[in-house]
Amino acid sequence: MAEGGALFVGRGCTACHTFGGQHTAAALPGAPDLAFARERLTADMAVAWILDPKSVAPTATMPTMGLTEAEALAVRDYLWLTEPGGATPADPLPLPPPLDRPVTWAEVQSEVFGKICAHCHMNPALNEGRAGPGNDGGFGWAATGIELETREGVMAVADQIPAALLRRRDEARRDVLRPGERPLHVVRPDLPGMPLGLPPIDDEDTALVLAWIAQGMPE
């Protein structure tokens, strides 16, 4: 495995790829953490990819490294047999306390519901019949009937919102990893995270939403 490890570093693999807790400096978008290659590729496919990525996937952006077959086997064995290690993501942060000031619907709609939530949870009457995947289904989501563009729609599900905000923080441990962190699981769940494709709502906006709900959801 020493030969494969030396090739992995010497041929520049670490310029793009992380490898668990062994190599954490690189984090090139689109270059996966190779700690999980053994769970996603067969051993033979890994060798073929290392030798000539475009022979496996014509659109691959990884360059051919000019390795011999014996060298490719050595790199593969290094990735397959080395314990990559890596830190477990930290527990999700608890929700912040609500803001200690009055919050109106106009503010929370402008900063959160209208800016973020309404992209998926539309009111069809305001969007030429479009309801969005978080309301009417799509992109892996089943229809929920949850509309978050109007005060009335938000009020109808306000009791569910704090739990949804907290759940998204937990989902972020799956979706947002720093180099050297291990995901909670490699196989992605059936449903994408919420908000769709976005990180969790930040503490400031979360505190705003919680304050508005705690204050009785004033206009």
C-alpha atoms as a PDB file:
ATOM      1  CA  MET A   1       0.000   0.000   0.000  1.00  0.00           C
ATOM      2  CA  ALA A   2       3.002   2.288   0.477  1.00  0.00           C
ATOM      3  CA  GLU A   3       3.609   2.397  -3.282  1.00  0.00           C
ATOM      4  CA  GLY A   4      -0.003   3.309  -3.970  1.00  0.00           C
ATOM      5  CA  GLY A   5       0.021   6.005  -1.304  1.00  0.00           C
ATOM      6  CA  ALA A   6       3.204   7.501  -2.748  1.00  0.00           C
ATOM      7  CA  LEU A   7       1.685   7.511  -6.240  1.00  0.00           C
ATOM      8  CA  PHE A   8      -1.544   9.046  -4.939  1.00  0.00           C
ATOM      9  CA  VAL A   9       0.416  11.991  -3.569  1.00  0.00           C
ATOM     10  CA  GLY A  10       3.185  12.136  -6.155  1.00  0.00           C
ATOM     11  CA  ARG A  11       0.906  12.111  -9.201  1.00  0.00           C
ATOM     12  CA  GLY A  12      -1.179  14.966  -7.822  1.00  0.00           C
ATOM     13  CA  CYS A  13      -4.381  13.143  -6.852  1.00  0.00           C
ATOM     14  CA  THR A  14      -4.473  15.185  -3.659  1.00  0.00           C
ATOM     15  CA  ALA A  15      -4.718  18.383  -5.706  1.00  0.00           C
ATOM     16  CA  CYS A  16      -8.366  17.535  -6.365  1.00  0.00           C
ATOM     17  CA  HIS A  17      -9.462  14.663  -4.137  1.00  0.00           C
ATOM     18  CA  THR A  18      -9.786  14.285  -0.406  1.00  0.00           C
ATOM     19  CA  PHE A  19      -9.433  10.822   1.115  1.00  0.00           C
ATOM     20  CA  GLY A  20     -11.179  10.619   4.469  1.00  0.00           C
ATOM     21  CA  GLY A  21      -8.926  11.853   7.247  1.00  0.00           C
ATOM     22  CA  GLN A  22      -5.772  10.858   5.359  1.00  0.00           C
ATOM     23  CA  HIS A  23      -5.793  13.725   2.847  1.00  0.00           C
ATOM     24  CA  THR A  24      -8.050  16.684   3.619  1.00  0.00           C
ATOM     25  CA  ALA A  25      -6.450  19.705   1.934  1.00  0.00           C
ATOM     26  CA  ALA A  26      -8.199  19.455  -1.438  1.00  0.00           C
ATOM     27  CA  ALA A  27     -11.876  20.061  -1.974  1.00  0.00           C
ATOM     28  CA  LEU A  28     -12.370  20.594  -5.696  1.00  0.00           C
ATOM     29  CA  PRO A  29     -16.065  20.774  -6.634  1.00  0.00           C
ATOM     30  CA  GLY A  30     -16.991  17.618  -8.491  1.00  0.00           C
ATOM     31  CA  ALA A  31     -14.000  15.629  -7.191  1.00  0.00           C
ATOM     32  CA  PRO A  32     -15.437  13.168  -4.658  1.00  0.00           C
ATOM     33  CA  ASP A  33     -13.934  12.094  -1.371  1.00  0.00           C
ATOM     34  CA  LEU A  34     -12.295   8.807  -2.346  1.00  0.00           C
ATOM     35  CA  ALA A  35     -12.936   7.339   1.084  1.00  0.00           C
ATOM     36  CA  PHE A  36     -16.203   6.081  -0.397  1.00  0.00           C
ATOM     37  CA  ALA A  37     -14.952   4.894  -3.783  1.00  0.00           C
ATOM     38  CA  ARG A  38     -14.950   1.274  -2.610  1.00  0.00           C
ATOM     39  CA  GLU A  39     -18.649   1.567  -1.780  1.00  0.00           C
ATOM     40  CA  ARG A  40     -19.558   3.107  -5.135  1.00  0.00           C
ATOM     41  CA  LEU A  41     -17.316   1.335  -7.644  1.00  0.00           C
ATOM     42  CA  THR A  42     -16.241  -2.223  -8.284  1.00  0.00           C
ATOM     43  CA  ALA A  43     -12.518  -2.807  -7.897  1.00  0.00           C
ATOM     44  CA  ASP A  44     -12.091  -3.377 -11.656  1.00  0.00           C
ATOM     45  CA  MET A  45     -14.055  -0.239 -12.508  1.00  0.00           C
ATOM     46  CA  ALA A  46     -11.824   1.783 -10.204  1.00  0.00           C
ATOM     47  CA  VAL A  47      -8.723   0.613 -12.045  1.00  0.00           C
ATOM     48  CA  ALA A  48     -10.295   1.434 -15.417  1.00  0.00           C
ATOM     49  CA  TRP A  49     -11.187   4.912 -14.139  1.00  0.00           C
ATOM     50  CA  ILE A  50      -7.689   5.554 -12.782  1.00  0.00           C
ATOM     51  CA  LEU A  51      -6.106   4.465 -16.068  1.00  0.00           C
ATOM     52  CA  ASP A  52      -8.390   6.445 -18.397  1.00  0.00           C
ATOM     53  CA  PRO A  53     -11.414   8.254 -16.942  1.00  0.00           C
ATOM     54  CA  LYS A  54     -12.870   9.163 -20.336  1.00  0.00           C
ATOM     55  CA  SER A  55     -12.973   5.502 -21.360  1.00  0.00           C
ATOM     56  CA  VAL A  56     -15.504   5.018 -18.556  1.00  0.00           C
ATOM     57  CA  ALA A  57     -17.327   8.346 -18.813  1.00  0.00           C
ATOM     58  CA  PRO A  58     -16.662  10.454 -21.936  1.00  0.00           C
ATOM     59  CA  THR A  59     -17.650  13.625 -20.074  1.00  0.00           C
ATOM     60  CA  ALA A  60     -15.219  13.011 -17.205  1.00  0.00           C
ATOM     61  CA  THR A  61     -13.151  16.043 -16.265  1.00  0.00           C
ATOM     62  CA  MET A  62     -10.425  14.061 -14.500  1.00  0.00           C
ATOM     63  CA  PRO A  63      -7.286  13.933 -16.668  1.00  0.00           C
ATOM     64  CA  THR A  64      -5.478  10.737 -17.615  1.00  0.00           C
ATOM     65  CA  MET A  65      -2.547  10.482 -15.209  1.00  0.00           C
ATOM     66  CA  GLY A  66      -0.316   8.297 -17.405  1.00  0.00           C
ATOM     67  CA  LEU A  67      -0.091   5.462 -14.893  1.00  0.00           C
ATOM     68  CA  THR A  68       0.828   1.936 -15.893  1.00  0.00           C
ATOM     69  CA  GLU A  69      -1.663  -0.801 -15.085  1.00  0.00           C
ATOM     70  CA  ALA A  70       0.544  -1.940 -12.191  1.00  0.00           C
ATOM     71  CA  GLU A  71       0.601   1.618 -10.817  1.00  0.00           C
ATOM     72  CA  ALA A  72      -3.156   1.966 -11.212  1.00  0.00           C
ATOM     73  CA  LEU A  73      -3.589  -1.281  -9.296  1.00  0.00           C
ATOM     74  CA  ALA A  74      -1.328   0.053  -6.547  1.00  0.00           C
ATOM     75  CA  VAL A  75      -3.368   3.270  -6.240  1.00  0.00           C
ATOM     76  CA  ARG A  76      -6.595   1.258  -6.235  1.00  0.00           C
ATOM     77  CA  ASP A  77      -5.268  -1.020  -3.492  1.00  0.00           C
ATOM     78  CA  TYR A  78      -4.235   2.008  -1.442  1.00  0.00           C
ATOM     79  CA  LEU A  79      -7.774   3.392  -1.668  1.00  0.00           C
ATOM     80  CA  TRP A  80      -9.387  -0.006  -1.074  1.00  0.00           C
ATOM     81  CA  LEU A  81      -7.237  -1.251   1.820  1.00  0.00           C
ATOM     82  CA  THR A  82      -6.252   1.877   3.729  1.00  0.00           C
ATOM     83  CA  GLU A  83      -8.535   2.889   6.591  1.00  0.00           C
ATOM     84  CA  PRO A  84      -9.443   6.448   5.539  1.00  0.00           C
ATOM     85  CA  GLY A  85     -10.625   7.576   8.947  1.00  0.00           C
ATOM     86  CA  GLY A  86     -12.269  10.961   9.100  1.00  0.00           C
ATOM     87  CA  ALA A  87     -14.228  12.856  11.697  1.00  0.00           C
ATOM     88  CA  THR A  88     -17.907  12.318  12.331  1.00  0.00           C
ATOM     89  CA  PRO A  89     -19.863  15.530  11.672  1.00  0.00           C
ATOM     90  CA  ALA A  90     -20.777  17.473  14.773  1.00  0.00           C
ATOM     91  CA  ASP A  91     -24.255  17.111  16.194  1.00  0.00           C
ATOM     92  CA  PRO A  92     -26.686  19.605  14.658  1.00  0.00           C
ATOM     93  CA  LEU A  93     -26.900  22.892  16.469  1.00  0.00           C
ATOM     94  CA  PRO A  94     -30.097  23.510  18.427  1.00  0.00           C
ATOM     95  CA  LEU A  95     -32.461  26.161  17.172  1.00  0.00           C
ATOM     96  CA  PRO A  96     -31.549  29.665  18.324  1.00  0.00           C
ATOM     97  CA  PRO A  97     -33.858  31.495  20.721  1.00  0.00           C
ATOM     98  CA  PRO A  98     -36.534  33.701  19.141  1.00  0.00           C
ATOM     99  CA  LEU A  99     -35.635  37.348  18.601  1.00  0.00           C
ATOM    100  CA  ASP A 100     -36.491  39.534  21.577  1.00  0.00           C
ATOM    101  CA  ARG A 101     -38.385  42.188  19.619  1.00  0.00           C
ATOM    102  CA  PRO A 102     -41.661  42.488  17.750  1.00  0.00           C
ATOM    103  CA  VAL A 103     -41.752  40.793  14.340  1.00  0.00           C
ATOM    104  CA  THR A 104     -44.454  41.399  11.732  1.00  0.00           C
ATOM    105  CA  TRP A 105     -45.669  39.235   8.858  1.00  0.00           C
ATOM    106  CA  ALA A 106     -44.304  41.795   6.395  1.00  0.00           C
ATOM    107  CA  GLU A 107     -40.778  41.329   7.785  1.00  0.00           C
ATOM    108  CA  VAL A 108     -40.809  37.549   8.056  1.00  0.00           C
ATOM    109  CA  GLN A 109     -42.433  37.226   4.631  1.00  0.00           C
ATOM    110  CA  SER A 110     -39.847  39.519   3.058  1.00  0.00           C
ATOM    111  CA  GLU A 111     -36.825  37.903   4.715  1.00  0.00           C
ATOM    112  CA  VAL A 112     -37.777  34.218   4.843  1.00  0.00           C
ATOM    113  CA  PHE A 113     -41.081  32.912   3.525  1.00  0.00           C
ATOM    114  CA  GLY A 114     -41.245  35.045   0.399  1.00  0.00           C
ATOM    115  CA  LYS A 115     -37.499  34.921  -0.266  1.00  0.00           C
ATOM    116  CA  ILE A 116     -36.778  31.237   0.461  1.00  0.00           C
ATOM    117  CA  CYS A 117     -39.823  29.075   1.175  1.00  0.00           C
ATOM    118  CA  ALA A 118     -42.080  30.351  -1.610  1.00  0.00           C
ATOM    119  CA  HIS A 119     -39.758  28.987  -4.303  1.00  0.00           C
ATOM    120  CA  CYS A 120     -41.084  25.496  -3.540  1.00  0.00           C
ATOM    121  CA  HIS A 121     -44.236  26.164  -1.514  1.00  0.00           C
ATOM    122  CA  MET A 122     -46.029  28.577  -3.860  1.00  0.00           C
ATOM    123  CA  ASN A 123     -49.574  29.791  -3.735  1.00  0.00           C
ATOM    124  CA  PRO A 124     -50.914  28.797  -7.171  1.00  0.00           C
ATOM    125  CA  ALA A 125     -53.351  31.729  -7.193  1.00  0.00           C
ATOM    126  CA  LEU A 126     -50.357  34.081  -7.143  1.00  0.00           C
ATOM    127  CA  ASN A 127     -48.232  32.170  -9.670  1.00  0.00           C
ATOM    128  CA  GLU A 128     -50.387  31.419 -12.711  1.00  0.00           C
ATOM    129  CA  GLY A 129     -51.388  28.047 -11.301  1.00  0.00           C
ATOM    130  CA  ARG A 130     -47.900  26.928 -10.274  1.00  0.00           C
ATOM    131  CA  ALA A 131     -47.683  25.505  -6.755  1.00  0.00           C
ATOM    132  CA  GLY A 132     -44.071  24.312  -6.581  1.00  0.00           C
ATOM    133  CA  PRO A 133     -42.633  20.895  -5.657  1.00  0.00           C
ATOM    134  CA  GLY A 134     -42.973  21.466  -1.914  1.00  0.00           C
ATOM    135  CA  ASN A 135     -46.695  22.064  -2.356  1.00  0.00           C
ATOM    136  CA  ASP A 136     -47.847  20.100  -5.385  1.00  0.00           C
ATOM    137  CA  GLY A 137     -45.014  17.524  -5.615  1.00  0.00           C
ATOM    138  CA  GLY A 138     -42.085  17.027  -7.984  1.00  0.00           C
ATOM    139  CA  PHE A 139     -38.273  16.652  -7.821  1.00  0.00           C
ATOM    140  CA  GLY A 140     -38.717  13.592  -5.614  1.00  0.00           C
ATOM    141  CA  TRP A 141     -41.330  15.154  -3.361  1.00  0.00           C
ATOM    142  CA  ALA A 142     -44.896  13.949  -2.890  1.00  0.00           C
ATOM    143  CA  ALA A 143     -47.633  16.568  -2.865  1.00  0.00           C
ATOM    144  CA  THR A 144     -48.139  18.055   0.609  1.00  0.00           C
ATOM    145  CA  GLY A 145     -50.553  20.943   0.051  1.00  0.00           C
ATOM    146  CA  ILE A 146     -48.223  23.136   2.143  1.00  0.00           C
ATOM    147  CA  GLU A 147     -48.239  26.722   0.883  1.00  0.00           C
ATOM    148  CA  LEU A 148     -45.826  29.169   2.507  1.00  0.00           C
ATOM    149  CA  GLU A 149     -46.303  32.286   0.406  1.00  0.00           C
ATOM    150  CA  THR A 150     -49.236  33.790   2.303  1.00  0.00           C
ATOM    151  CA  ARG A 151     -49.784  34.428   5.999  1.00  0.00           C
ATOM    152  CA  GLU A 152     -52.825  32.148   5.979  1.00  0.00           C
ATOM    153  CA  GLY A 153     -50.850  29.320   4.408  1.00  0.00           C
ATOM    154  CA  VAL A 154     -48.017  29.628   6.927  1.00  0.00           C
ATOM    155  CA  MET A 155     -50.420  29.852   9.859  1.00  0.00           C
ATOM    156  CA  ALA A 156     -52.039  26.574   8.793  1.00  0.00           C
ATOM    157  CA  VAL A 157     -48.769  24.674   9.344  1.00  0.00           C
ATOM    158  CA  ALA A 158     -47.020  26.895  11.898  1.00  0.00           C
ATOM    159  CA  ASP A 159     -46.942  24.110  14.468  1.00  0.00           C
ATOM    160  CA  GLN A 160     -44.781  22.034  12.073  1.00  0.00           C
ATOM    161  CA  ILE A 161     -42.255  24.732  11.215  1.00  0.00           C
ATOM    162  CA  PRO A 162     -39.845  24.557  14.209  1.00  0.00           C
ATOM    163  CA  ALA A 163     -39.440  20.781  13.757  1.00  0.00           C
ATOM    164  CA  ALA A 164     -38.835  21.244  10.012  1.00  0.00           C
ATOM    165  CA  LEU A 165     -36.139  23.849  10.670  1.00  0.00           C
ATOM    166  CA  LEU A 166     -34.434  21.547  13.164  1.00  0.00           C
ATOM    167  CA  ARG A 167     -34.673  18.569  10.798  1.00  0.00           C
ATOM    168  CA  ARG A 168     -32.945  20.530   8.049  1.00  0.00           C
ATOM    169  CA  ARG A 169     -30.027  21.201  10.403  1.00  0.00           C
ATOM    170  CA  ASP A 170     -29.710  17.473  10.905  1.00  0.00           C
ATOM    171  CA  GLU A 171     -29.934  16.892   7.141  1.00  0.00           C
ATOM    172  CA  ALA A 172     -27.048  19.306   6.646  1.00  0.00           C
ATOM    173  CA  ARG A 173     -24.760  16.802   8.346  1.00  0.00           C
ATOM    174  CA  ARG A 174     -25.552  14.595   5.345  1.00  0.00           C
ATOM    175  CA  ASP A 175     -25.390  17.264   2.665  1.00  0.00           C
ATOM    176  CA  VAL A 176     -22.727  19.721   3.820  1.00  0.00           C
ATOM    177  CA  LEU A 177     -19.422  18.157   4.871  1.00  0.00           C
ATOM    178  CA  ARG A 178     -16.028  19.707   5.453  1.00  0.00           C
ATOM    179  CA  PRO A 179     -12.986  17.855   4.044  1.00  0.00           C
ATOM    180  CA  GLY A 180     -12.150  14.963   6.320  1.00  0.00           C
ATOM    181  CA  GLU A 181     -15.691  14.495   7.645  1.00  0.00           C
ATOM    182  CA  ARG A 182     -17.561  11.265   7.032  1.00  0.00           C
ATOM    183  CA  PRO A 183     -21.217  11.449   5.974  1.00  0.00           C
ATOM    184  CA  LEU A 184     -23.749   9.859   8.258  1.00  0.00           C
ATOM    185  CA  HIS A 185     -24.523   7.427   5.431  1.00  0.00           C
ATOM    186  CA  VAL A 186     -23.353   7.060   1.850  1.00  0.00           C
ATOM    187  CA  VAL A 187     -26.658   6.154   0.202  1.00  0.00           C
ATOM    188  CA  ARG A 188     -28.770   9.247  -0.291  1.00  0.00           C
ATOM    189  CA  PRO A 189     -32.340   9.095   1.027  1.00  0.00           C
ATOM    190  CA  ASP A 190     -35.382   8.998  -1.219  1.00  0.00           C
ATOM    191  CA  LEU A 191     -36.168  12.670  -0.671  1.00  0.00           C
ATOM    192  CA  PRO A 192     -33.851  15.636  -1.168  1.00  0.00           C
ATOM    193  CA  GLY A 193     -33.166  18.051   1.634  1.00  0.00           C
ATOM    194  CA  MET A 194     -35.322  21.034   2.535  1.00  0.00           C
ATOM    195  CA  PRO A 195     -34.923  23.803   1.404  1.00  0.00           C
ATOM    196  CA  LEU A 196     -34.419  22.076  -1.951  1.00  0.00           C
ATOM    197  CA  GLY A 197     -30.752  22.374  -2.851  1.00  0.00           C
ATOM    198  CA  LEU A 198     -30.064  25.062  -0.254  1.00  0.00           C
ATOM    199  CA  PRO A 199     -28.287  25.034   3.103  1.00  0.00           C
ATOM    200  CA  PRO A 200     -30.337  25.345   6.281  1.00  0.00           C
ATOM    201  CA  ILE A 201     -31.871  28.715   7.034  1.00  0.00           C
ATOM    202  CA  ASP A 202     -29.306  30.655   9.076  1.00  0.00           C
ATOM    203  CA  ASP A 203     -29.650  31.503  12.762  1.00  0.00           C
ATOM    204  CA  GLU A 204     -30.766  35.077  12.158  1.00  0.00           C
ATOM    205  CA  ASP A 205     -33.638  34.117   9.877  1.00  0.00           C
ATOM    206  CA  THR A 206     -34.563  31.134  12.041  1.00  0.00           C
ATOM    207  CA  ALA A 207     -34.782  33.366  15.129  1.00  0.00           C
ATOM    208  CA  LEU A 208     -36.972  35.742  13.129  1.00  0.00           C
ATOM    209  CA  VAL A 209     -39.413  32.969  12.178  1.00  0.00           C
ATOM    210  CA  LEU A 210     -39.535  31.575  15.711  1.00  0.00           C
ATOM    211  CA  ALA A 211     -40.187  35.019  17.159  1.00  0.00           C
ATOM    212  CA  TRP A 212     -43.066  35.676  14.764  1.00  0.00           C
ATOM    213  CA  ILE A 213     -44.672  32.322  15.619  1.00  0.00           C
ATOM    214  CA  ALA A 214     -44.152  32.833  19.368  1.00  0.00           C
ATOM    215  CA  GLN A 215     -45.763  36.278  19.153  1.00  0.00           C
ATOM    216  CA  GLY A 216     -48.954  34.838  17.702  1.00  0.00           C
ATOM    217  CA  MET A 217     -48.119  35.433  14.017  1.00  0.00           C
ATOM    218  CA  PRO A 218     -49.159  39.102  13.865  1.00  0.00           C
ATOM    219  CA  GLU A 219     -49.856  40.882  10.591  1.00  0.00           C
END
